[in-house]
Amino acid sequence: MGKTISILTAFFWIALSAYAYSAPDGSVLTASPPSHKSYLFEEERVSSPNGLYVLVMQSDGNLVLYESKCVGDPKCAVWDSKTYREQGQYYMAMQEDGNLVIYKGRPPAKTPLSIWSSQTYGATGNYFLSIQDDGDLVIYRGTCMHNNQRAIWSSKRGKL
């Protein structure tokens, strides 16, 4: 059974408790400051603020954004990474270089097997992943605590 609150979101909300929230409207975020990677392990999930969408790292390696009314039903998938494989250990990492990556295995593997990437790698900096109320999954460059964010990838539009 999936965990409803992941290590990823717990870290994020603890880190945010000391700051004012000024992220893009309607988003749940996973922080990725330099020297930290945010993870979502198999069967962990994160919801949009309005609760209408749920991002799930599945145990078959597929990262899927579902409508929350029917999580797990392929007909309710809004977006997926198309990386379904055999059951195993998989995780999503929002990396400090801006790349969203799905790996097979467990961190900290010396040579993890990457099975999918948003292809948004660049300079090391601050990036975050947003699950928005409109059902779009977006990677932003910048911090969620300031108004200087710039979208670099979207599940609806690809690399920006």
Protein backbone atom coordinates (compact mmCIF):
# COMPACT_ATOMS: atom_id res chain seq x y z
CA MET A 1 0.00 0.00 0.00
CA GLY A 2 1.31 3.44 -0.93
CA LYS A 3 2.43 5.96 1.59
CA THR A 4 0.31 9.10 1.56
CA ILE A 5 3.01 11.37 2.96
CA SER A 6 6.45 10.76 1.59
CA ILE A 7 9.84 11.53 3.03
CA LEU A 8 10.08 14.01 0.20
CA THR A 9 7.09 16.08 1.22
CA ALA A 10 7.84 15.79 4.92
CA PHE A 11 11.30 17.28 4.32
CA PHE A 12 9.84 20.01 2.16
CA TRP A 13 7.17 21.12 4.62
CA ILE A 14 9.67 21.08 7.51
CA ALA A 15 12.07 23.20 5.45
CA LEU A 16 9.30 25.63 4.51
CA SER A 17 7.98 26.15 8.01
CA ALA A 18 10.43 28.98 8.63
CA TYR A 19 9.68 30.82 5.36
CA ALA A 20 6.83 32.66 3.71
CA TYR A 21 5.21 30.67 0.92
CA SER A 22 5.24 32.45 -2.42
CA ALA A 23 5.36 29.65 -4.97
CA PRO A 24 3.28 29.62 -8.16
CA ASP A 25 -0.42 29.52 -7.37
CA GLY A 26 -1.88 26.10 -6.69
CA SER A 27 1.20 23.93 -6.40
CA VAL A 28 2.63 21.26 -4.16
CA LEU A 29 6.37 21.40 -4.30
CA THR A 30 9.44 19.26 -3.82
CA ALA A 31 12.52 21.29 -3.05
CA SER A 32 15.92 20.69 -4.58
CA PRO A 33 18.50 23.16 -3.29
CA PRO A 34 22.18 22.50 -4.07
CA SER A 35 23.55 19.51 -2.13
CA HIS A 36 20.11 17.91 -1.78
CA LYS A 37 18.02 15.66 -3.99
CA SER A 38 14.33 15.16 -3.43
CA TYR A 39 13.11 11.60 -3.83
CA LEU A 40 9.82 9.83 -4.35
CA PHE A 41 10.11 6.05 -3.87
CA GLU A 42 7.83 3.34 -5.28
CA GLU A 43 4.24 3.58 -4.08
CA GLU A 44 4.81 7.01 -2.53
CA ARG A 45 2.55 9.80 -3.68
CA VAL A 46 2.13 13.56 -3.53
CA SER A 47 -1.13 15.44 -4.16
CA SER A 48 -1.95 18.80 -5.69
CA PRO A 49 -3.20 21.39 -3.15
CA ASN A 50 -6.80 21.07 -4.36
CA GLY A 51 -6.54 17.28 -4.04
CA LEU A 52 -7.67 16.64 -7.64
CA TYR A 53 -4.34 15.19 -8.84
CA VAL A 54 -1.90 12.68 -7.35
CA LEU A 55 1.65 11.95 -8.52
CA VAL A 56 2.63 8.30 -7.87
CA MET A 57 6.00 6.59 -8.29
CA GLN A 58 4.73 3.10 -9.07
CA SER A 59 6.51 -0.14 -8.21
CA ASP A 60 6.63 -0.98 -11.95
CA GLY A 61 8.91 2.03 -12.58
CA ASN A 62 6.24 4.28 -14.10
CA LEU A 63 5.82 7.81 -12.70
CA VAL A 64 2.15 8.69 -13.15
CA LEU A 65 0.01 11.77 -12.53
CA TYR A 66 -3.56 10.62 -11.86
CA GLU A 67 -6.88 12.25 -11.24
CA SER A 68 -7.33 11.55 -7.52
CA LYS A 69 -10.83 10.09 -7.92
CA CYS A 70 -9.38 6.90 -9.43
CA VAL A 71 -5.66 6.57 -8.66
CA GLY A 72 -4.28 3.41 -10.24
CA ASP A 73 -6.80 3.25 -13.09
CA PRO A 74 -4.97 3.86 -16.40
CA LYS A 75 -8.06 5.71 -17.72
CA CYS A 76 -7.47 8.37 -15.04
CA ALA A 77 -3.81 8.95 -15.90
CA VAL A 78 -3.23 12.57 -16.91
CA TRP A 79 0.48 12.01 -17.68
CA ASP A 80 3.00 9.19 -17.31
CA SER A 81 6.69 8.63 -17.98
CA LYS A 82 5.97 5.46 -19.98
CA THR A 83 8.63 3.57 -18.02
CA TYR A 84 6.56 0.62 -16.82
CA ARG A 85 8.68 -2.48 -16.38
CA GLU A 86 8.90 -5.43 -14.02
CA GLN A 87 8.10 -4.88 -10.35
CA GLY A 88 11.07 -3.67 -8.34
CA GLN A 89 12.69 -0.78 -6.56
CA TYR A 90 12.43 2.53 -8.40
CA TYR A 91 12.64 6.16 -7.38
CA MET A 92 12.17 9.63 -8.80
CA ALA A 93 14.85 12.23 -8.07
CA MET A 94 14.51 15.99 -8.54
CA GLN A 95 18.20 16.75 -8.95
CA GLU A 96 20.17 19.87 -8.15
CA ASP A 97 21.03 20.26 -11.87
CA GLY A 98 17.32 20.70 -12.76
CA ASN A 99 16.85 17.21 -14.17
CA LEU A 100 13.90 15.09 -13.06
CA VAL A 101 15.09 11.46 -13.29
CA ILE A 102 13.62 8.01 -12.65
CA TYR A 103 16.12 5.43 -11.44
CA LYS A 104 15.98 1.70 -10.88
CA GLY A 105 17.46 0.70 -7.52
CA ARG A 106 18.05 2.65 -4.32
CA PRO A 107 20.20 5.68 -3.56
CA PRO A 108 23.04 6.13 -2.99
CA ALA A 109 24.03 3.65 -5.70
CA LYS A 110 27.41 4.44 -7.22
CA THR A 111 26.06 3.85 -10.73
CA PRO A 112 22.26 4.05 -10.59
CA LEU A 113 20.38 2.93 -13.70
CA SER A 114 18.48 5.87 -15.18
CA ILE A 115 15.33 4.79 -17.05
CA TRP A 116 13.84 8.23 -17.83
CA SER A 117 14.80 11.90 -17.66
CA SER A 118 13.15 15.25 -18.34
CA GLN A 119 16.37 16.24 -20.18
CA THR A 120 16.49 19.53 -18.24
CA TYR A 121 19.97 19.17 -16.77
CA GLY A 122 21.98 22.34 -16.57
CA ALA A 123 23.80 24.43 -14.05
CA THR A 124 23.63 23.40 -10.42
CA GLY A 125 21.17 25.62 -8.61
CA ASN A 126 17.72 25.74 -7.08
CA TYR A 127 14.93 23.80 -8.82
CA PHE A 128 11.60 22.45 -7.69
CA LEU A 129 8.82 20.25 -8.97
CA SER A 130 5.27 21.53 -8.81
CA ILE A 131 2.09 19.45 -9.00
CA GLN A 132 -0.35 22.15 -9.96
CA ASP A 133 -4.09 22.39 -9.43
CA ASP A 134 -4.66 22.29 -13.21
CA GLY A 135 -3.07 18.83 -13.54
CA ASP A 136 0.26 20.03 -14.92
CA LEU A 137 3.54 18.77 -13.50
CA VAL A 138 6.13 21.58 -13.83
CA ILE A 139 9.84 21.94 -13.07
CA TYR A 140 10.82 25.47 -12.06
CA ARG A 141 14.26 27.04 -11.79
CA GLY A 142 14.46 29.23 -8.70
CA THR A 143 13.20 28.75 -5.21
CA CYS A 144 9.67 28.22 -4.07
CA MET A 145 10.11 30.98 -1.49
CA HIS A 146 10.77 33.78 -3.98
CA ASN A 147 8.98 35.17 -6.99
CA ASN A 148 11.87 34.63 -9.40
CA GLN A 149 10.82 31.19 -10.66
CA ARG A 150 11.07 30.22 -14.32
CA ALA A 151 9.38 27.12 -15.75
CA ILE A 152 11.83 24.86 -17.63
CA TRP A 153 9.68 21.75 -18.24
CA SER A 154 6.00 20.84 -18.21
CA SER A 155 4.20 17.52 -18.48
CA LYS A 156 1.79 19.21 -20.91
CA ARG A 157 4.38 21.02 -23.06
CA GLY A 158 7.74 19.26 -22.54
CA LYS A 159 11.02 21.16 -22.31
CA LEU A 160 10.46 24.93 -22.34
